[in-house]
């Protein structure tokens, strides 16, 4: 099989000591139905069997392009991959995740159909360390993504496809200063150049395991995410101290508010901000009302629900019920897929090919 001069898609896979799961991840890309593909693997100074496995696999499939450098971190590895990419689109995959069959073809079809798209992600399956498989559905529409971006990362890094021309035109890349949330920071800049979407079909399986950098980072990762969220909120017109941003993000993730001056002030600032966003029309008003209803339910001990909010709450609860129903159906399908993939719950990773 000959490698194409200009493939349609460049897949970027950074790896550091990922020999245990690397081959299965790469096979999930090389076996995709879309054949116009190059897979660029940046070995970030691995000391395990990763270099040998890459050399062996590259011999059997010239679409695999392995590169190696001294330990530099994920962001610098990804930037090198972007420099090497030749495809019209750039797909991402972590070395311990899987691209499900048809992933690249579906994302390319959406990008080709919608030229203003600069990033397309998808729903995904999350495999816990204990072997439990569940469906995760991120915000889907551009309006929902832009509003979610103010508080958190609305894309799974392993599930995204980017329009390379938008990165080149904007001079965009990953910022190594943002440890472990370099993707969230990049999306915050990239979406100034076009639209984003998450496909509702799960196209990736993400794994959780003790060796992951994002698990090891813990509080440091949360602090960096808070930092990006604070910058995004400030650009949208809400300038808050870091501890208040952490509080708002915590409420969205299920933390309970505490009656007190700091929480009362944060709630007041939040709802005034959301009302201003709805009036100004910079964000989808339906998504703003939905977010406000979500906060109202979480903060009902600290806020008064007005009669005009009743409809928004009812709509949100109806949408929430439909969302949970989709997740339950997805969980049942995930368990069937776990059997087909021969995922071993004791080891938390697949033992066979996708």
Protein backbone atom coordinates (compact mmCIF):
# COMPACT_ATOMS: atom_id res chain seq x y z
CA UNK A 1 0.00 0.00 0.00
CA UNK A 2 1.43 3.36 -1.04
CA UNK A 3 1.10 6.49 1.08
CA UNK A 4 -0.72 9.34 -0.68
CA UNK A 5 1.10 12.59 -1.42
CA UNK A 6 -1.74 14.66 0.07
CA UNK A 7 -4.10 12.61 2.20
CA UNK A 8 -7.53 13.95 3.06
CA UNK A 9 -7.05 13.41 6.81
CA UNK A 10 -4.00 13.64 9.04
CA UNK A 11 -4.52 11.84 12.36
CA UNK A 12 -2.28 13.01 15.22
CA UNK A 13 -1.36 10.61 18.02
CA UNK A 14 1.12 11.77 20.67
CA UNK A 15 2.50 8.98 22.85
CA UNK A 16 4.76 8.59 25.85
CA UNK A 17 5.37 5.07 27.18
CA UNK A 18 2.07 3.91 25.73
CA UNK A 19 3.11 0.50 24.43
CA UNK A 20 0.34 -1.39 26.24
CA UNK A 21 -2.53 0.18 24.29
CA UNK A 22 -0.82 1.92 21.36
CA UNK A 23 -1.17 -0.77 18.68
CA UNK A 24 -4.92 -1.14 19.22
CA UNK A 25 -5.35 2.65 19.05
CA UNK A 26 -3.42 2.87 15.78
CA UNK A 27 -5.26 -0.09 14.28
CA UNK A 28 -8.55 1.66 15.04
CA UNK A 29 -7.36 4.49 12.77
CA UNK A 30 -5.67 2.46 10.03
CA UNK A 31 -8.72 0.19 9.72
CA UNK A 32 -11.12 3.11 9.14
CA UNK A 33 -13.33 3.02 6.04
CA UNK A 34 -11.79 6.34 4.94
CA UNK A 35 -8.52 5.32 3.32
CA UNK A 36 -7.12 8.74 2.32
CA UNK A 37 -5.26 9.00 5.60
CA UNK A 38 -1.91 9.52 7.24
CA UNK A 39 -1.36 8.70 10.92
CA UNK A 40 1.34 10.89 12.46
CA UNK A 41 2.64 9.51 15.75
CA UNK A 42 4.88 11.72 17.87
CA UNK A 43 6.87 9.64 20.32
CA UNK A 44 7.66 12.02 23.18
CA UNK A 45 10.82 10.26 24.33
CA UNK A 46 9.30 6.90 25.33
CA UNK A 47 11.50 4.47 27.25
CA UNK A 48 9.27 1.39 26.86
CA UNK A 49 8.56 -0.72 23.76
CA UNK A 50 6.81 2.14 21.93
CA UNK A 51 9.65 2.85 19.40
CA UNK A 52 9.90 -0.81 18.42
CA UNK A 53 6.14 -1.21 18.00
CA UNK A 54 5.96 1.93 15.84
CA UNK A 55 8.82 0.76 13.60
CA UNK A 56 7.17 -2.64 13.09
CA UNK A 57 3.76 -1.19 12.31
CA UNK A 58 5.18 1.44 9.93
CA UNK A 59 6.84 -1.32 7.93
CA UNK A 60 3.47 -2.94 7.28
CA UNK A 61 1.51 0.27 6.55
CA UNK A 62 3.24 3.32 5.00
CA UNK A 63 0.33 5.56 6.03
CA UNK A 64 1.84 5.45 9.52
CA UNK A 65 4.48 8.18 9.95
CA UNK A 66 6.30 7.87 13.31
CA UNK A 67 8.53 10.65 14.65
CA UNK A 68 10.51 10.86 17.85
CA UNK A 69 11.97 13.65 19.95
CA UNK A 70 13.22 14.25 23.47
CA UNK A 71 10.56 14.54 26.19
CA UNK A 72 8.77 17.83 25.50
CA UNK A 73 5.16 17.40 26.64
CA UNK A 74 1.84 16.88 24.88
CA UNK A 75 1.36 20.41 23.54
CA UNK A 76 4.78 20.61 21.87
CA UNK A 77 4.33 17.10 20.46
CA UNK A 78 0.98 18.08 18.98
CA UNK A 79 2.40 21.28 17.51
CA UNK A 80 5.09 19.25 15.79
CA UNK A 81 2.37 16.99 14.45
CA UNK A 82 0.45 19.99 13.11
CA UNK A 83 3.59 21.19 11.34
CA UNK A 84 3.99 17.78 9.71
CA UNK A 85 0.33 17.32 8.76
CA UNK A 86 -0.55 17.38 5.06
CA UNK A 87 -4.26 16.60 5.21
CA UNK A 88 -7.16 18.98 4.68
CA UNK A 89 -8.48 17.85 8.07
CA UNK A 90 -6.67 16.96 11.29
CA UNK A 91 -8.13 14.26 13.54
CA UNK A 92 -6.94 13.63 17.09
CA UNK A 93 -6.64 10.42 19.05
CA UNK A 94 -4.87 9.66 22.31
CA UNK A 95 -2.65 6.60 22.32
CA UNK A 96 -4.91 4.80 24.80
CA UNK A 97 -8.27 5.52 23.09
CA UNK A 98 -10.09 3.97 20.11
CA UNK A 99 -11.68 5.46 17.00
CA UNK A 100 -14.84 3.50 16.29
CA UNK A 101 -15.58 2.20 12.77
CA UNK A 102 -16.72 4.93 10.37
CA UNK A 103 -15.56 7.79 12.61
CA UNK A 104 -13.38 9.64 10.08
CA UNK A 105 -15.80 9.18 7.20
CA UNK A 106 -18.70 10.66 9.19
CA UNK A 107 -16.71 13.64 10.41
CA UNK A 108 -15.29 14.41 6.96
CA UNK A 109 -18.77 14.23 5.47
CA UNK A 110 -19.99 16.83 7.99
CA UNK A 111 -16.97 19.10 7.46
CA UNK A 112 -17.36 18.95 3.67
CA UNK A 113 -21.07 19.70 3.92
CA UNK A 114 -20.56 22.69 6.24
CA UNK A 115 -17.56 24.80 5.10
CA UNK A 116 -17.82 27.20 8.07
CA UNK A 117 -17.07 24.36 10.51
CA UNK A 118 -13.59 24.57 12.03
CA UNK A 119 -14.04 21.76 14.57
CA UNK A 120 -16.25 18.67 14.68
CA UNK A 121 -16.30 16.41 17.72
CA UNK A 122 -18.74 13.71 18.77
CA UNK A 123 -20.38 11.86 21.60
CA UNK A 124 -18.21 9.08 22.98
CA UNK A 125 -18.08 6.01 25.18
CA UNK A 126 -16.13 6.29 28.43
CA UNK A 127 -14.52 3.12 29.78
CA UNK A 128 -13.78 3.34 33.50
CA UNK A 129 -10.79 1.75 35.20
CA UNK A 130 -13.21 -0.84 36.64
CA UNK A 131 -14.46 -1.75 33.15
CA UNK A 132 -17.81 0.07 33.22
CA UNK A 133 -18.79 1.54 29.86
CA UNK A 134 -21.09 4.56 29.57
CA UNK A 135 -22.23 7.00 26.89
CA UNK A 136 -21.23 10.66 27.20
CA UNK A 137 -23.07 13.24 25.10
CA UNK A 138 -21.45 16.70 25.04
CA UNK A 139 -23.20 19.87 23.80
CA UNK A 140 -24.11 19.27 20.17
CA UNK A 141 -24.96 22.56 18.40
CA UNK A 142 -22.69 25.53 17.81
CA UNK A 143 -24.84 27.67 20.12
CA UNK A 144 -24.71 25.13 22.94
CA UNK A 145 -20.96 24.64 22.46
CA UNK A 146 -20.18 28.37 22.65
CA UNK A 147 -22.12 28.78 25.87
CA UNK A 148 -20.61 25.65 27.42
CA UNK A 149 -17.14 26.93 26.47
CA UNK A 150 -17.54 29.72 29.03
CA UNK A 151 -17.41 27.18 31.85
CA UNK A 152 -15.75 24.01 30.58
CA UNK A 153 -14.32 22.09 27.65
CA UNK A 154 -17.20 21.08 25.33
CA UNK A 155 -15.12 18.64 23.25
CA UNK A 156 -13.43 15.32 23.92
CA UNK A 157 -9.90 15.81 22.61
CA UNK A 158 -9.70 12.29 21.14
CA UNK A 159 -12.97 12.85 19.24
CA UNK A 160 -12.22 16.09 17.38
CA UNK A 161 -11.51 16.78 13.73
CA UNK A 162 -10.14 20.23 12.82
CA UNK A 163 -10.05 22.17 9.57
CA UNK A 164 -6.32 22.65 9.02
CA UNK A 165 -6.76 25.75 6.84
CA UNK A 166 -8.41 27.54 9.78
CA UNK A 167 -5.44 26.72 12.00
CA UNK A 168 -2.99 27.97 9.36
CA UNK A 169 -4.92 31.18 8.61
CA UNK A 170 -5.22 32.01 12.31
CA UNK A 171 -1.65 31.02 13.16
CA UNK A 172 -3.16 28.71 15.77
CA UNK A 173 -1.58 25.90 17.73
CA UNK A 174 -1.46 24.40 21.19
CA UNK A 175 -0.11 26.61 23.98
CA UNK A 176 2.41 24.62 26.09
CA UNK A 177 1.80 26.97 29.04
CA UNK A 178 -1.64 25.42 29.62
CA UNK A 179 -0.69 22.13 31.22
CA UNK A 180 -3.17 19.33 30.48
CA UNK A 181 -5.90 21.66 29.17
CA UNK A 182 -4.10 22.90 26.06
CA UNK A 183 -7.05 21.64 24.02
CA UNK A 184 -9.65 23.72 25.90
CA UNK A 185 -7.50 26.82 25.46
CA UNK A 186 -7.05 26.17 21.72
CA UNK A 187 -10.79 25.63 21.12
CA UNK A 188 -11.44 28.98 22.85
CA UNK A 189 -9.35 30.70 20.16
CA UNK A 190 -10.29 28.45 17.23
CA UNK A 191 -14.02 29.12 17.58
CA UNK A 192 -13.36 32.79 16.86
CA UNK A 193 -12.64 31.64 13.27
CA UNK A 194 -15.71 29.52 12.56
CA UNK A 195 -18.33 27.18 13.95
CA UNK A 196 -18.19 24.00 15.97
CA UNK A 197 -20.36 20.91 16.31
CA UNK A 198 -20.46 17.60 18.16
CA UNK A 199 -22.03 14.72 16.25
CA UNK A 200 -24.62 12.88 18.34
CA UNK A 201 -23.29 9.47 17.27
CA UNK A 202 -20.53 8.15 19.57
CA UNK A 203 -17.42 7.82 17.40
CA UNK A 204 -14.68 7.24 20.00
CA UNK A 205 -14.03 5.11 23.04
CA UNK A 206 -12.06 6.87 25.78
CA UNK A 207 -10.28 4.96 28.51
CA UNK A 208 -9.64 5.90 32.12
CA UNK A 209 -6.62 4.37 33.81
CA UNK A 210 -4.07 5.32 36.48
CA UNK A 211 -1.30 6.20 34.01
CA UNK A 212 -3.26 9.00 32.35
CA UNK A 213 -1.75 12.46 32.74
CA UNK A 214 -5.18 14.02 33.30
CA UNK A 215 -5.79 11.74 36.30
CA UNK A 216 -2.37 12.39 37.78
CA UNK A 217 -2.71 16.16 37.40
CA UNK A 218 -5.72 16.37 39.75
CA UNK A 219 -6.02 19.78 41.35
CA UNK A 220 -3.45 21.30 39.02
CA UNK A 221 -5.61 20.39 36.02
CA UNK A 222 -8.70 21.88 37.68
CA UNK A 223 -6.82 25.12 38.32
CA UNK A 224 -5.81 25.40 34.66
CA UNK A 225 -9.37 24.72 33.50
CA UNK A 226 -10.56 27.42 35.90
CA UNK A 227 -8.01 29.78 34.38
CA UNK A 228 -9.25 29.19 30.80
CA UNK A 229 -12.89 29.46 31.90
CA UNK A 230 -12.13 32.74 33.68
CA UNK A 231 -10.55 34.15 30.51
CA UNK A 232 -13.56 33.05 28.44
CA UNK A 233 -16.02 34.58 30.91
CA UNK A 234 -14.03 37.81 31.00
CA UNK A 235 -14.14 38.09 27.20
CA UNK A 236 -17.90 37.57 27.40
CA UNK A 237 -18.23 40.37 29.93
CA UNK A 238 -18.13 38.67 33.34
CA UNK A 239 -14.91 39.41 35.25
CA UNK A 240 -14.74 37.25 38.39
CA UNK A 241 -12.00 36.23 40.83
CA UNK A 242 -10.63 32.67 40.39
CA UNK A 243 -12.39 31.29 43.46
CA UNK A 244 -15.78 32.47 42.17
CA UNK A 245 -15.18 30.86 38.78
CA UNK A 246 -14.31 27.62 40.58
CA UNK A 247 -17.56 27.96 42.53
CA UNK A 248 -19.68 28.44 39.38
CA UNK A 249 -18.06 25.50 37.63
CA UNK A 250 -18.52 23.37 40.73
CA UNK A 251 -22.24 24.12 40.82
CA UNK A 252 -22.61 22.92 37.23
CA UNK A 253 -20.81 19.71 38.18
CA UNK A 254 -23.07 19.04 41.16
CA UNK A 255 -21.52 20.87 44.12
CA UNK A 256 -24.09 22.17 46.59
CA UNK A 257 -24.19 25.93 47.28
CA UNK A 258 -23.85 27.25 50.82
CA UNK A 259 -25.87 30.19 52.09
CA UNK A 260 -23.37 32.98 52.66
CA UNK A 261 -22.18 36.33 51.33
CA UNK A 262 -19.74 34.88 48.78
CA UNK A 263 -22.24 32.45 47.27
CA UNK A 264 -25.01 35.09 47.30
CA UNK A 265 -22.78 37.55 45.44
CA UNK A 266 -21.73 34.90 42.93
CA UNK A 267 -25.37 33.96 42.24
CA UNK A 268 -26.36 37.59 41.77
CA UNK A 269 -23.49 38.22 39.32
CA UNK A 270 -24.22 35.01 37.42
CA UNK A 271 -27.91 35.66 36.78
CA UNK A 272 -27.32 39.30 35.86
CA UNK A 273 -24.72 38.09 33.36
CA UNK A 274 -27.05 35.50 31.83
CA UNK A 275 -29.85 38.04 31.46
CA UNK A 276 -27.45 40.40 29.69
CA UNK A 277 -26.32 37.63 27.31
CA UNK A 278 -29.93 36.92 26.38
CA UNK A 279 -30.68 40.61 25.75
CA UNK A 280 -27.55 41.22 23.68
CA UNK A 281 -28.11 38.21 21.42
CA UNK A 282 -24.42 37.27 21.15
CA UNK A 283 -25.31 33.74 22.23
CA UNK A 284 -28.26 31.57 21.24
CA UNK A 285 -31.10 32.85 23.50
CA UNK A 286 -32.58 29.34 23.79
CA UNK A 287 -29.28 27.99 25.08
CA UNK A 288 -28.91 30.91 27.50
CA UNK A 289 -32.38 30.22 28.93
CA UNK A 290 -31.56 26.54 29.18
CA UNK A 291 -28.35 27.26 31.08
CA UNK A 292 -30.18 29.66 33.39
CA UNK A 293 -32.78 26.97 34.14
CA UNK A 294 -29.99 24.50 34.86
CA UNK A 295 -28.40 26.90 37.33
CA UNK A 296 -31.80 27.66 38.90
CA UNK A 297 -32.37 24.00 39.71
CA UNK A 298 -28.88 23.66 41.19
CA UNK A 299 -29.20 26.93 43.16
CA UNK A 300 -32.85 26.86 44.13
CA UNK A 301 -31.88 27.26 47.79
CA UNK A 302 -30.24 30.60 46.97
CA UNK A 303 -32.47 32.09 44.29
CA UNK A 304 -36.10 32.95 43.74
CA UNK A 305 -37.82 31.33 40.78
CA UNK A 306 -39.98 33.93 39.05
CA UNK A 307 -43.23 33.10 37.22
CA UNK A 308 -41.64 33.92 33.85
CA UNK A 309 -38.95 31.31 34.53
CA UNK A 310 -41.49 28.49 34.88
CA UNK A 311 -41.64 27.75 31.14
CA UNK A 312 -37.85 27.67 30.80
CA UNK A 313 -37.65 25.25 33.73
CA UNK A 314 -40.33 23.02 32.23
CA UNK A 315 -38.57 22.96 28.85
CA UNK A 316 -35.23 22.22 30.50
CA UNK A 317 -36.68 19.36 32.57
CA UNK A 318 -38.30 17.88 29.44
CA UNK A 319 -35.01 18.12 27.54
CA UNK A 320 -33.16 16.68 30.51
CA UNK A 321 -35.51 13.69 30.63
CA UNK A 322 -34.92 13.03 26.93
CA UNK A 323 -31.16 13.36 27.44
CA UNK A 324 -31.16 10.85 30.32
CA UNK A 325 -33.26 8.47 28.22
CA UNK A 326 -30.65 8.66 25.44
CA UNK A 327 -27.90 7.96 27.96
CA UNK A 328 -29.77 4.90 29.29
CA UNK A 329 -30.22 3.55 25.76
CA UNK A 330 -26.56 4.33 25.08
CA UNK A 331 -25.51 2.48 28.24
CA UNK A 332 -27.37 -0.65 27.12
CA UNK A 333 -25.76 -0.45 23.69
CA UNK A 334 -22.38 0.16 25.32
CA UNK A 335 -22.63 -3.08 27.26
CA UNK A 336 -23.34 -4.98 24.04
CA UNK A 337 -20.36 -3.29 22.41
CA UNK A 338 -18.19 -4.15 25.41
CA UNK A 339 -18.96 -7.79 24.72
CA UNK A 340 -18.21 -7.43 21.01
CA UNK A 341 -14.93 -5.61 21.73
CA UNK A 342 -14.09 -8.25 24.34
CA UNK A 343 -13.35 -5.63 26.96
CA UNK A 344 -12.02 -7.22 30.11
CA UNK A 345 -13.57 -5.46 33.16
CA UNK A 346 -10.75 -6.69 35.36
CA UNK A 347 -8.09 -5.07 33.16
CA UNK A 348 -10.17 -2.17 31.80
CA UNK A 349 -8.99 -2.48 28.21
CA UNK A 350 -9.87 -4.39 25.09
CA UNK A 351 -8.17 -7.68 24.30
CA UNK A 352 -9.18 -7.83 20.65
CA UNK A 353 -9.30 -5.67 17.58
CA UNK A 354 -12.08 -3.17 17.06
